[in-house]
Amino acid sequence: MSPFEERAWQKIRRYLDSDQQVAARIALQSLVQRAPANVEARVMLAGSILSGDKLVRDAILHLHAAAQALPENADLVAMTALALLRVGEVVAARQCLENPDVARTQSVENLMSLAHVHQLLGEHHKSLALMDRAKALGYDNADFRYFRGLQLQFNGRLAEAGEVMESCLTMGPTFGRASLSLSRLKRQTLESNHLAYIREQIQRVEKETEDHASFEFAQFKELDDLGDYDNAWTALERGNAIMHRRLRHDVADEGALFDALIERTTADFLRPTETQFSGPQPIFVIGLPRSGTTLLERILGNHSLVESAGELSDFPRQMQWQANHYSYPALDRVLVERADELDYANIGKRYLEQSQWRANGKPFYVDKLPPNFLNAGFIHRALPQAPILHMVRDPMDACFSNYKAMFGGAYAYSYDQANLVTHYLRYRRLIDHWHRVMPGRILDVSYNELVRDPEAKAREILAFCKLAYEPGCADLTRNSTPVATLSSAQSREKINDRSIGEWRRYEKQLAGMRAKLAAV
């Protein structure tokens, strides 16, 4: 590093330490002008642009320059790849991983960062392999055991996942995420449960933290399994209240987004151009979280011509590239306001460029991102040949499943019953709008019908996707591909209808929600 670069970094760190973000960005720009091959400066400047002006194309230019200047340094590889994934430059991120230092690094910190990259790419076998390399080098702490346990779970090694999560708890002092994951791995019994541990940790954990909320959700799950519904509900309310206070969902802002989206996306606006794209084609699965989208994806993935690709952010990221506006949620009001200006054929082209590798040589792949129900109209305009499947669940089942889920920092609406009902009604209004303005474009798939007669429903779904029926698609035990959702453990079981009507165990506590949803 040159003397100029050393002085520049000292100045940048002082600005960052004193929260002078604009000054830090100007200093980073100066450093990049004088030292264009400085990868760390390029990546930091891109991050500053995204958090400030949100000009995603400017950020991407710096990130591509960083990727082209990468030395043989696994630390910089991971840093650059993670930054590229943040803005949807998936192909460039994967190319970074071809750097020779990735295969030879002995740094456990680098291995864990690279494992995180592969996890975000949905390459869970590779993520677990990198974690195992770190383990072989002696790396061990509670966080490591937790994240390795998750990867074991995602890869279908459930017994091992349980053992690793159990061992994680011994490393304390508190570990709410591991307790919650353990409670979800199997049904708890009077003879085998973690309630004593959970209750002890609730007394010790820092109050009002996500860790605290996780223990409450874990306590709910285990008490629910044991049939102690009154105490289970009390724990569930406490956990939701903590997360509701932490996240502060903006109900009015969400309403304005839905209103603007419906107003903008008329039938004329959504009329697609006749554009054909070659190569593997996506099948989109949309719906509320916890509505059965993973079940539907697994059924499709059993077909010989279809690959399960997981929850992809590629489409919203290409919308953002086209609008030159970075947004953390899948869609915001700025994107809706700029919708008239966008080149949808190019959005479709760029989406396919970033995602077709996921098909693994098959002609179709499933893009299962539940919040894409917001983008369904834009998907129709950008990719008119792509089937869109909408998973529909009973309103009470859908809302209760969200309320008991614990999504971490995502889906802030789910932690308050009133907000949850409001969100559900807005979602239904938007889906009804899509059906009106683009009739026949979306197939509604009933969760209840799917679990009660999966073979018959699979025939209908495959026909909509213009795929020939294949026997056995509804046998989830055939599907050994990784799955990284809250239902990853259940997704390997035979299809069953156990979750239909689960809310009735809490009918009294959910009476207000039921009354508000009665019209639906």
Protein backbone atom coordinates (compact mmCIF):
# COMPACT_ATOMS: atom_id res chain seq x y z
CA MET A 1 0.00 0.00 0.00
CA SER A 2 1.38 3.40 -0.98
CA PRO A 3 1.84 6.24 1.55
CA PHE A 4 -1.05 8.07 -0.14
CA GLU A 5 -3.35 5.09 0.36
CA GLU A 6 -2.34 4.75 4.02
CA ARG A 7 -3.14 8.42 4.67
CA ALA A 8 -6.41 8.13 2.76
CA TRP A 9 -7.52 5.15 4.85
CA GLN A 10 -6.70 6.95 8.09
CA LYS A 11 -8.89 9.84 6.97
CA ILE A 12 -11.73 7.53 5.86
CA ARG A 13 -11.72 5.68 9.18
CA ARG A 14 -11.88 8.96 11.11
CA TYR A 15 -14.88 10.05 9.04
CA LEU A 16 -16.62 6.73 9.56
CA ASP A 17 -15.90 6.70 13.29
CA SER A 18 -17.52 10.14 13.61
CA ASP A 19 -20.45 9.13 11.33
CA GLN A 20 -19.52 11.64 8.61
CA GLN A 21 -20.84 9.51 5.78
CA VAL A 22 -20.70 12.12 3.01
CA ALA A 23 -17.12 13.05 3.87
CA ALA A 24 -16.17 9.37 3.92
CA ARG A 25 -17.71 8.88 0.47
CA ILE A 26 -15.82 11.85 -0.97
CA ALA A 27 -12.57 10.49 0.51
CA LEU A 28 -13.29 7.05 -0.94
CA GLN A 29 -13.93 8.59 -4.36
CA SER A 30 -10.61 10.39 -4.15
CA LEU A 31 -8.84 7.18 -3.17
CA VAL A 32 -10.42 5.22 -6.04
CA GLN A 33 -9.41 7.91 -8.54
CA ARG A 34 -5.77 7.70 -7.42
CA ALA A 35 -5.73 3.91 -6.80
CA PRO A 36 -8.35 2.35 -9.14
CA ALA A 37 -7.20 -1.21 -8.33
CA ASN A 38 -7.87 -0.82 -4.60
CA VAL A 39 -10.59 -3.48 -4.21
CA GLU A 40 -11.59 -2.67 -0.65
CA ALA A 41 -12.06 1.02 -1.49
CA ARG A 42 -14.22 0.14 -4.52
CA VAL A 43 -16.44 -2.14 -2.44
CA MET A 44 -16.79 0.39 0.39
CA LEU A 45 -17.58 3.17 -2.08
CA ALA A 46 -20.28 1.03 -3.69
CA GLY A 47 -21.84 0.43 -0.27
CA SER A 48 -21.74 4.15 0.48
CA ILE A 49 -23.48 4.94 -2.81
CA LEU A 50 -26.22 2.40 -2.10
CA SER A 51 -26.90 3.72 1.39
CA GLY A 52 -26.76 7.35 0.25
CA ASP A 53 -27.91 8.16 -3.28
CA LYS A 54 -29.17 4.58 -3.92
CA LEU A 55 -27.78 4.77 -7.47
CA VAL A 56 -27.45 1.05 -8.02
CA ARG A 57 -25.80 1.23 -11.46
CA ASP A 58 -23.02 3.48 -10.15
CA ALA A 59 -22.42 1.02 -7.31
CA ILE A 60 -22.35 -1.92 -9.73
CA LEU A 61 -19.73 -0.24 -11.92
CA HIS A 62 -17.40 0.01 -8.92
CA LEU A 63 -18.12 -3.59 -7.90
CA HIS A 64 -17.35 -4.95 -11.35
CA ALA A 65 -14.10 -2.97 -11.36
CA ALA A 66 -13.29 -4.48 -7.96
CA ALA A 67 -14.02 -7.99 -9.26
CA GLN A 68 -11.73 -7.49 -12.24
CA ALA A 69 -8.91 -6.27 -9.97
CA LEU A 70 -9.15 -9.09 -7.42
CA PRO A 71 -5.78 -10.43 -6.30
CA GLU A 72 -5.42 -13.98 -5.05
CA ASN A 73 -6.95 -13.12 -1.70
CA ALA A 74 -9.93 -15.07 -0.35
CA ASP A 75 -10.85 -12.30 2.07
CA LEU A 76 -11.32 -9.78 -0.75
CA VAL A 77 -13.07 -12.43 -2.84
CA ALA A 78 -15.71 -12.95 -0.16
CA MET A 79 -16.11 -9.20 0.43
CA THR A 80 -16.59 -8.48 -3.28
CA ALA A 81 -18.87 -11.46 -3.92
CA LEU A 82 -21.16 -10.54 -1.02
CA ALA A 83 -21.38 -6.95 -2.29
CA LEU A 84 -22.20 -8.15 -5.81
CA LEU A 85 -24.97 -10.42 -4.51
CA ARG A 86 -26.48 -7.50 -2.63
CA VAL A 87 -27.22 -5.78 -5.94
CA GLY A 88 -28.18 -8.87 -7.94
CA GLU A 89 -24.94 -9.36 -9.89
CA VAL A 90 -25.04 -13.10 -9.32
CA VAL A 91 -22.95 -14.21 -12.29
CA ALA A 92 -20.10 -11.86 -11.39
CA ALA A 93 -20.24 -13.02 -7.76
CA ARG A 94 -19.89 -16.66 -8.86
CA GLN A 95 -16.95 -15.75 -11.08
CA CYS A 96 -15.21 -14.24 -8.07
CA LEU A 97 -15.34 -17.66 -6.40
CA GLU A 98 -13.09 -19.08 -9.13
CA ASN A 99 -10.18 -17.16 -7.58
CA PRO A 100 -7.35 -19.66 -6.83
CA ASP A 101 -7.04 -18.57 -3.19
CA VAL A 102 -10.54 -19.87 -2.44
CA ALA A 103 -9.39 -23.48 -2.81
CA ARG A 104 -6.23 -23.09 -0.75
CA THR A 105 -7.12 -20.63 2.01
CA GLN A 106 -6.53 -21.83 5.56
CA SER A 107 -8.23 -18.84 7.17
CA VAL A 108 -11.34 -20.00 9.05
CA GLU A 109 -12.74 -16.46 8.87
CA ASN A 110 -12.43 -16.51 5.08
CA LEU A 111 -13.97 -19.97 4.88
CA MET A 112 -16.98 -18.83 6.88
CA SER A 113 -17.42 -15.73 4.72
CA LEU A 114 -17.22 -17.85 1.58
CA ALA A 115 -19.72 -20.32 3.07
CA HIS A 116 -22.09 -17.39 3.55
CA VAL A 117 -21.67 -16.47 -0.13
CA HIS A 118 -22.61 -19.99 -1.20
CA GLN A 119 -25.56 -20.01 1.19
CA LEU A 120 -26.88 -16.81 -0.41
CA LEU A 121 -26.39 -18.41 -3.82
CA GLY A 122 -28.47 -21.39 -2.68
CA GLU A 123 -25.45 -23.68 -3.07
CA HIS A 124 -25.90 -25.34 0.30
CA HIS A 125 -23.73 -28.40 -0.39
CA LYS A 126 -20.79 -26.11 -1.09
CA SER A 127 -21.59 -23.94 1.93
CA LEU A 128 -21.53 -26.96 4.23
CA ALA A 129 -18.28 -28.23 2.65
CA LEU A 130 -16.57 -24.91 3.44
CA MET A 131 -17.84 -25.03 7.01
CA ASP A 132 -16.47 -28.55 7.33
CA ARG A 133 -13.09 -27.26 6.15
CA ALA A 134 -13.21 -24.65 8.91
CA LYS A 135 -14.18 -27.33 11.43
CA ALA A 136 -11.26 -29.51 10.37
CA LEU A 137 -8.96 -26.55 11.05
CA GLY A 138 -10.23 -26.40 14.65
CA TYR A 139 -12.77 -23.60 14.32
CA ASP A 140 -15.47 -23.81 16.97
CA ASN A 141 -17.84 -21.47 18.79
CA ALA A 142 -21.58 -21.18 19.43
CA ASP A 143 -22.26 -19.12 16.29
CA PHE A 144 -20.33 -21.58 14.12
CA ARG A 145 -22.23 -24.56 15.50
CA TYR A 146 -25.52 -22.78 14.94
CA PHE A 147 -24.81 -21.88 11.30
CA ARG A 148 -23.35 -25.32 10.57
CA GLY A 149 -26.44 -26.89 12.16
CA LEU A 150 -28.62 -24.84 9.82
CA GLN A 151 -26.66 -26.05 6.81
CA LEU A 152 -26.97 -29.64 7.94
CA GLN A 153 -30.73 -29.05 8.22
CA PHE A 154 -30.95 -27.41 4.80
CA ASN A 155 -29.07 -30.36 3.31
CA GLY A 156 -31.50 -32.86 4.83
CA ARG A 157 -29.18 -34.24 7.52
CA LEU A 158 -31.70 -33.61 10.27
CA ALA A 159 -30.37 -35.94 12.97
CA GLU A 160 -26.89 -34.40 12.71
CA ALA A 161 -28.43 -30.92 12.69
CA GLY A 162 -30.20 -31.70 15.96
CA GLU A 163 -27.00 -32.95 17.58
CA VAL A 164 -25.05 -29.85 16.53
CA MET A 165 -27.81 -27.50 17.72
CA GLU A 166 -27.97 -29.35 21.06
CA SER A 167 -24.22 -28.93 21.49
CA CYS A 168 -24.54 -25.25 20.60
CA LEU A 169 -26.75 -24.72 23.64
CA THR A 170 -24.00 -25.93 25.97
CA MET A 171 -21.77 -23.04 24.88
CA GLY A 172 -24.25 -20.32 26.03
CA PRO A 173 -24.79 -18.20 27.93
CA THR A 174 -27.94 -17.77 25.82
CA PHE A 175 -28.71 -18.85 22.28
CA GLY A 176 -32.30 -18.23 21.27
CA ARG A 177 -31.87 -18.95 17.57
CA ALA A 178 -30.53 -22.44 18.22
CA SER A 179 -33.33 -23.18 20.69
CA LEU A 180 -35.94 -22.10 18.16
CA SER A 181 -34.34 -24.15 15.36
CA LEU A 182 -34.19 -27.20 17.63
CA SER A 183 -37.84 -26.87 18.58
CA ARG A 184 -38.76 -26.87 14.87
CA LEU A 185 -36.74 -29.93 13.91
CA LYS A 186 -39.25 -32.38 15.37
CA ARG A 187 -42.35 -32.67 17.50
CA GLN A 188 -41.51 -32.30 21.20
CA THR A 189 -42.85 -34.76 23.79
CA LEU A 190 -43.27 -34.88 27.57
CA GLU A 191 -40.26 -37.20 27.70
CA SER A 192 -38.07 -35.16 25.32
CA ASN A 193 -38.23 -31.37 25.21
CA HIS A 194 -36.16 -28.27 26.03
CA LEU A 195 -38.61 -26.31 28.19
CA ALA A 196 -36.48 -26.27 31.34
CA TYR A 197 -33.51 -24.92 29.40
CA ILE A 198 -35.61 -22.35 27.55
CA ARG A 199 -37.21 -21.02 30.72
CA GLU A 200 -33.83 -20.77 32.43
CA GLN A 201 -32.42 -18.78 29.50
CA ILE A 202 -35.42 -16.43 29.40
CA GLN A 203 -34.45 -15.35 32.91
CA ARG A 204 -30.85 -14.69 31.82
CA VAL A 205 -31.18 -13.26 28.32
CA GLU A 206 -30.97 -9.53 27.65
CA LYS A 207 -34.56 -8.36 27.52
CA GLU A 208 -36.23 -7.00 24.36
CA THR A 209 -33.56 -8.54 22.10
CA GLU A 210 -34.16 -10.83 19.15
CA ASP A 211 -32.54 -13.56 21.23
CA HIS A 212 -35.20 -12.97 23.90
CA ALA A 213 -37.99 -13.17 21.32
CA SER A 214 -36.52 -16.38 19.87
CA PHE A 215 -36.71 -18.09 23.25
CA GLU A 216 -40.37 -17.06 23.59
CA PHE A 217 -41.19 -18.44 20.13
CA ALA A 218 -39.31 -21.64 21.00
CA GLN A 219 -41.29 -21.91 24.24
CA PHE A 220 -44.52 -21.48 22.27
CA LYS A 221 -43.58 -24.23 19.80
CA GLU A 222 -42.72 -26.74 22.52
CA LEU A 223 -45.76 -25.97 24.68
CA ASP A 224 -47.96 -26.19 21.59
CA ASP A 225 -46.52 -29.62 20.84
CA LEU A 226 -47.32 -30.69 24.40
CA GLY A 227 -50.90 -29.40 24.25
CA ASP A 228 -50.44 -26.67 26.87
CA TYR A 229 -52.22 -24.12 24.72
CA ASP A 230 -52.90 -21.38 27.29
CA ASN A 231 -49.25 -21.04 28.27
CA ALA A 232 -48.17 -21.51 24.67
CA TRP A 233 -50.29 -18.54 23.60
CA THR A 234 -48.89 -16.35 26.37
CA ALA A 235 -45.34 -17.10 25.19
CA LEU A 236 -46.32 -16.43 21.56
CA GLU A 237 -47.81 -13.06 22.45
CA ARG A 238 -44.69 -12.07 24.37
CA GLY A 239 -42.40 -13.04 21.50
CA ASN A 240 -44.47 -11.16 18.93
CA ALA A 241 -44.71 -8.09 21.14
CA ILE A 242 -40.91 -7.93 21.43
CA MET A 243 -40.43 -8.13 17.66
CA HIS A 244 -43.25 -5.66 17.01
CA ARG A 245 -41.58 -3.11 19.27
CA ARG A 246 -38.21 -3.73 17.63
CA LEU A 247 -39.31 -3.43 13.99
CA ARG A 248 -42.05 -0.76 14.07
CA HIS A 249 -43.92 -1.75 10.92
CA ASP A 250 -45.13 1.33 8.98
CA VAL A 251 -48.76 0.48 8.16
CA ALA A 252 -49.45 3.77 6.34
CA ASP A 253 -46.38 3.47 4.11
CA GLU A 254 -47.32 -0.08 3.16
CA GLY A 255 -50.85 1.05 2.30
CA ALA A 256 -49.54 3.84 0.09
CA LEU A 257 -47.33 1.32 -1.76
CA PHE A 258 -50.24 -1.05 -2.46
CA ASP A 259 -52.47 1.83 -3.58
CA ALA A 260 -49.82 3.25 -5.91
CA LEU A 261 -49.08 -0.19 -7.36
CA ILE A 262 -52.73 -0.92 -8.15
CA GLU A 263 -53.27 2.54 -9.63
CA ARG A 264 -50.20 2.30 -11.88
CA THR A 265 -50.62 -1.25 -13.20
CA THR A 266 -53.62 -1.00 -15.50
CA ALA A 267 -54.40 -3.63 -18.13
CA ASP A 268 -52.95 -1.36 -20.83
CA PHE A 269 -49.78 -0.77 -18.84
CA LEU A 270 -49.24 -4.51 -18.31
CA ARG A 271 -49.71 -5.51 -21.96
CA PRO A 272 -46.43 -7.29 -22.75
CA THR A 273 -44.41 -7.00 -25.91
CA GLU A 274 -44.05 -10.20 -27.89
CA THR A 275 -40.57 -11.13 -26.78
CA GLN A 276 -39.11 -14.63 -26.74
CA PHE A 277 -36.05 -15.64 -24.78
CA SER A 278 -34.06 -18.80 -25.42
CA GLY A 279 -32.60 -21.16 -22.85
CA PRO A 280 -34.04 -22.43 -19.56
CA GLN A 281 -37.25 -20.72 -18.51
CA PRO A 282 -38.47 -19.80 -15.02
CA ILE A 283 -41.66 -20.88 -13.29
CA PHE A 284 -42.60 -18.33 -10.64
CA VAL A 285 -44.20 -19.38 -7.35
CA ILE A 286 -45.70 -16.53 -5.32
CA GLY A 287 -47.90 -16.08 -2.26
CA LEU A 288 -47.76 -15.15 1.38
CA PRO A 289 -44.91 -16.64 3.43
CA ARG A 290 -45.94 -19.91 5.08
CA SER A 291 -48.72 -20.45 2.54
CA GLY A 292 -47.30 -23.67 1.07
CA THR A 293 -44.94 -22.20 -1.52
CA THR A 294 -42.14 -24.58 -0.49
CA LEU A 295 -44.49 -27.56 -0.87
CA LEU A 296 -45.42 -26.42 -4.37
CA GLU A 297 -41.77 -25.86 -5.30
CA ARG A 298 -40.83 -29.37 -4.11
CA ILE A 299 -43.59 -30.95 -6.20
CA LEU A 300 -42.44 -29.07 -9.30
CA GLY A 301 -38.83 -29.97 -8.53
CA ASN A 302 -39.70 -33.68 -8.68
CA HIS A 303 -40.41 -33.32 -12.41
CA SER A 304 -37.54 -34.50 -14.60
CA LEU A 305 -37.49 -31.22 -16.58
CA VAL A 306 -37.61 -28.83 -13.61
CA GLU A 307 -34.92 -27.65 -11.17
CA SER A 308 -35.74 -26.10 -7.79
CA ALA A 309 -33.78 -22.85 -7.54
CA GLY A 310 -35.09 -21.55 -4.20
CA GLU A 311 -36.03 -18.02 -3.19
CA LEU A 312 -34.38 -15.74 -5.74
CA SER A 313 -34.13 -11.96 -5.47
CA ASP A 314 -33.09 -11.73 -9.13
CA PHE A 315 -36.28 -10.22 -10.52
CA PRO A 316 -36.63 -7.35 -8.03
CA ARG A 317 -32.90 -6.65 -8.34
CA GLN A 318 -33.20 -6.30 -12.12
CA MET A 319 -36.16 -3.98 -11.66
CA GLN A 320 -33.91 -1.89 -9.44
CA TRP A 321 -31.06 -1.93 -11.96
CA GLN A 322 -33.41 -0.70 -14.68
CA ALA A 323 -34.76 2.09 -12.44
CA ASN A 324 -31.25 2.88 -11.11
CA HIS A 325 -32.66 2.79 -7.59
CA TYR A 326 -31.57 0.46 -4.78
CA SER A 327 -34.27 -0.73 -2.40
CA TYR A 328 -33.98 -3.22 0.45
CA PRO A 329 -37.59 -4.48 0.16
CA ALA A 330 -38.59 -6.21 -3.06
CA LEU A 331 -40.51 -3.12 -4.16
CA ASP A 332 -40.87 0.45 -2.94
CA ARG A 333 -42.80 3.53 -4.04
CA VAL A 334 -39.88 4.98 -6.02
CA LEU A 335 -39.83 1.87 -8.22
CA VAL A 336 -43.59 2.10 -8.73
CA GLU A 337 -43.32 5.80 -9.63
CA ARG A 338 -40.65 5.01 -12.23
CA ALA A 339 -42.48 1.98 -13.63
CA ASP A 340 -43.57 3.81 -16.82
CA GLU A 341 -39.95 4.57 -17.71
CA LEU A 342 -38.59 1.03 -17.53
CA ASP A 343 -37.58 -1.27 -20.40
CA TYR A 344 -39.32 -4.51 -19.44
CA ALA A 345 -37.83 -6.58 -22.24
CA ASN A 346 -34.40 -5.67 -20.88
CA ILE A 347 -35.48 -6.51 -17.34
CA GLY A 348 -36.48 -9.95 -18.59
CA LYS A 349 -33.23 -10.36 -20.51
CA ARG A 350 -31.08 -9.36 -17.53
CA TYR A 351 -33.11 -11.56 -15.18
CA LEU A 352 -32.46 -14.59 -17.37
CA GLU A 353 -28.77 -13.75 -17.71
CA GLN A 354 -28.42 -13.73 -13.92
CA SER A 355 -30.57 -16.77 -13.15
CA GLN A 356 -30.49 -19.37 -15.97
CA TRP A 357 -27.40 -21.10 -14.57
CA ARG A 358 -29.61 -22.34 -11.73
CA ALA A 359 -31.44 -24.71 -14.10
CA ASN A 360 -28.46 -27.12 -14.02
CA GLY A 361 -29.05 -28.20 -17.61
CA LYS A 362 -32.82 -28.59 -17.31
CA PRO A 363 -35.24 -26.56 -19.46
CA PHE A 364 -37.17 -25.10 -16.47
CA TYR A 365 -36.36 -23.81 -13.00
CA VAL A 366 -38.57 -22.65 -10.12
CA ASP A 367 -38.15 -19.12 -8.74
CA LYS A 368 -39.99 -19.23 -5.40
CA LEU A 369 -39.88 -15.81 -3.79
CA PRO A 370 -43.19 -15.27 -1.92
CA PRO A 371 -43.03 -11.42 -1.96
CA ASN A 372 -42.94 -11.52 -5.76
CA PHE A 373 -46.73 -11.36 -5.49
CA LEU A 374 -46.03 -7.61 -5.48
CA ASN A 375 -44.14 -7.94 -8.77
CA ALA A 376 -46.52 -10.32 -10.57
CA GLY A 377 -47.66 -7.68 -13.06
CA PHE A 378 -44.10 -6.63 -13.84
CA ILE A 379 -43.08 -10.29 -14.25
CA HIS A 380 -45.94 -10.74 -16.73
CA ARG A 381 -44.77 -7.76 -18.76
CA ALA A 382 -41.06 -8.64 -18.67
CA LEU A 383 -41.37 -12.43 -19.06
CA PRO A 384 -44.72 -13.09 -20.75
CA GLN A 385 -43.95 -16.76 -21.37
CA ALA A 386 -43.19 -17.57 -17.71
CA PRO A 387 -45.96 -19.36 -15.73
CA ILE A 388 -46.95 -17.73 -12.43
CA LEU A 389 -48.36 -20.01 -9.72
CA HIS A 390 -50.03 -18.40 -6.71
CA MET A 391 -50.31 -20.47 -3.55
CA VAL A 392 -53.63 -19.78 -1.79
CA ARG A 393 -54.21 -20.74 1.83
CA ASP A 394 -57.25 -20.31 4.07
CA PRO A 395 -57.07 -16.76 5.51
CA MET A 396 -56.99 -17.88 9.15
CA ASP A 397 -54.45 -20.63 8.48
CA ALA A 398 -52.28 -18.21 6.51
CA CYS A 399 -52.39 -15.45 9.12
CA PHE A 400 -51.87 -17.73 12.11
CA SER A 401 -48.95 -19.43 10.36
CA ASN A 402 -47.34 -16.00 9.88
CA TYR A 403 -48.04 -14.94 13.45
CA LYS A 404 -46.29 -18.00 14.92
CA ALA A 405 -43.39 -18.09 12.47
CA MET A 406 -40.70 -15.70 13.81
CA PHE A 407 -39.12 -14.36 10.62
CA GLY A 408 -36.38 -12.34 12.31
CA GLY A 409 -36.10 -8.90 10.73
CA ALA A 410 -38.27 -9.79 7.73
CA TYR A 411 -42.05 -9.40 7.35
CA ALA A 412 -42.47 -6.85 10.12
CA TYR A 413 -46.26 -6.88 9.66
CA SER A 414 -46.44 -10.45 11.02
CA TYR A 415 -45.72 -9.55 14.67
CA ASP A 416 -49.00 -7.75 15.38
CA GLN A 417 -52.47 -9.20 14.78
CA ALA A 418 -54.00 -5.95 13.53
CA ASN A 419 -51.10 -5.28 11.15
CA LEU A 420 -51.21 -8.88 9.97
CA VAL A 421 -54.90 -8.68 9.07
CA THR A 422 -54.39 -5.35 7.30
CA HIS A 423 -51.51 -6.80 5.30
CA TYR A 424 -53.52 -9.89 4.39
CA LEU A 425 -56.46 -7.82 3.13
CA ARG A 426 -54.12 -5.67 1.03
CA TYR A 427 -52.47 -8.78 -0.38
CA ARG A 428 -55.85 -10.26 -1.36
CA ARG A 429 -56.90 -6.97 -2.94
CA LEU A 430 -53.71 -6.93 -5.02
CA ILE A 431 -54.12 -10.56 -6.13
CA ASP A 432 -57.71 -9.82 -7.18
CA HIS A 433 -56.36 -6.83 -9.13
CA TRP A 434 -53.82 -9.03 -10.96
CA HIS A 435 -56.59 -11.43 -11.95
CA ARG A 436 -58.67 -8.55 -13.31
CA VAL A 437 -55.96 -6.82 -15.35
CA MET A 438 -54.26 -9.97 -16.69
CA PRO A 439 -56.91 -12.72 -16.67
CA GLY A 440 -55.66 -16.29 -17.00
CA ARG A 441 -52.07 -15.27 -16.35
CA ILE A 442 -51.85 -16.57 -12.77
CA LEU A 443 -52.96 -20.00 -11.57
CA ASP A 444 -54.32 -20.02 -8.02
CA VAL A 445 -53.29 -23.24 -6.27
CA SER A 446 -55.38 -24.14 -3.21
CA TYR A 447 -53.22 -25.43 -0.36
CA ASN A 448 -56.11 -27.48 1.05
CA GLU A 449 -56.82 -29.11 -2.30
CA LEU A 450 -53.13 -29.76 -2.90
CA VAL A 451 -52.53 -31.60 0.37
CA ARG A 452 -55.78 -33.57 0.18
CA ASP A 453 -55.38 -34.75 -3.43
CA PRO A 454 -51.80 -33.97 -4.43
CA GLU A 455 -51.67 -36.12 -7.56
CA ALA A 456 -54.79 -34.55 -9.09
CA LYS A 457 -53.62 -31.06 -8.25
CA ALA A 458 -50.14 -31.80 -9.60
CA ARG A 459 -51.69 -32.69 -12.97
CA GLU A 460 -53.44 -29.30 -13.09
CA ILE A 461 -50.31 -27.41 -12.09
CA LEU A 462 -48.09 -29.17 -14.63
CA ALA A 463 -50.64 -28.65 -17.39
CA PHE A 464 -50.69 -24.92 -16.66
CA CYS A 465 -46.88 -24.93 -16.96
CA LYS A 466 -47.18 -26.86 -20.27
CA LEU A 467 -45.38 -29.85 -18.77
CA ALA A 468 -46.40 -33.48 -19.23
CA TYR A 469 -47.60 -35.22 -16.09
CA GLU A 470 -45.09 -37.56 -14.45
CA PRO A 471 -46.19 -40.03 -11.74
CA GLY A 472 -44.63 -39.47 -8.34
CA CYS A 473 -44.21 -35.70 -8.50
CA ALA A 474 -46.23 -35.40 -5.29
CA ASP A 475 -43.93 -37.77 -3.37
CA LEU A 476 -41.76 -35.32 -1.41
CA THR A 477 -39.64 -38.13 0.01
CA ARG A 478 -38.12 -38.50 -3.49
CA ASN A 479 -36.76 -34.96 -3.44
CA SER A 480 -33.34 -34.79 -1.80
CA THR A 481 -32.36 -31.30 -2.97
CA PRO A 482 -31.52 -28.73 -0.28
CA VAL A 483 -34.27 -26.48 1.04
CA ALA A 484 -33.58 -23.37 3.14
CA THR A 485 -36.94 -22.23 4.49
CA LEU A 486 -38.65 -22.46 7.88
CA SER A 487 -40.37 -25.62 6.66
CA SER A 488 -37.13 -27.33 5.61
CA ALA A 489 -37.60 -30.20 8.08
CA GLN A 490 -41.27 -30.78 7.21
CA SER A 491 -40.64 -30.53 3.46
CA ARG A 492 -39.01 -33.98 3.48
CA GLU A 493 -42.06 -35.73 4.95
CA LYS A 494 -44.98 -37.20 3.04
CA ILE A 495 -47.64 -34.61 2.21
CA ASN A 496 -50.20 -34.32 5.00
CA ASP A 497 -52.99 -31.99 6.09
CA ARG A 498 -51.96 -31.58 9.75
CA SER A 499 -51.56 -27.82 9.48
CA ILE A 500 -55.09 -27.21 8.19
CA GLY A 501 -57.10 -25.56 10.95
CA GLU A 502 -54.22 -25.33 13.45
CA TRP A 503 -55.49 -21.91 14.45
CA ARG A 504 -58.57 -23.47 16.01
CA ARG A 505 -56.51 -24.43 19.05
CA TYR A 506 -56.40 -20.67 19.74
CA GLU A 507 -59.88 -19.82 18.50
CA LYS A 508 -60.71 -17.66 21.51
CA GLN A 509 -57.48 -15.62 21.29
CA LEU A 510 -57.89 -15.18 17.52
CA ALA A 511 -61.57 -14.20 17.58
CA GLY A 512 -60.83 -10.59 16.61
CA MET A 513 -58.69 -11.67 13.67
CA ARG A 514 -61.34 -14.13 12.54
CA ALA A 515 -64.07 -11.47 12.60
CA LYS A 516 -61.99 -9.10 10.46
CA LEU A 517 -61.18 -11.85 7.96
CA ALA A 518 -64.73 -13.21 7.80
CA ALA A 519 -65.50 -11.39 4.55
CA VAL A 520 -62.54 -13.08 2.85
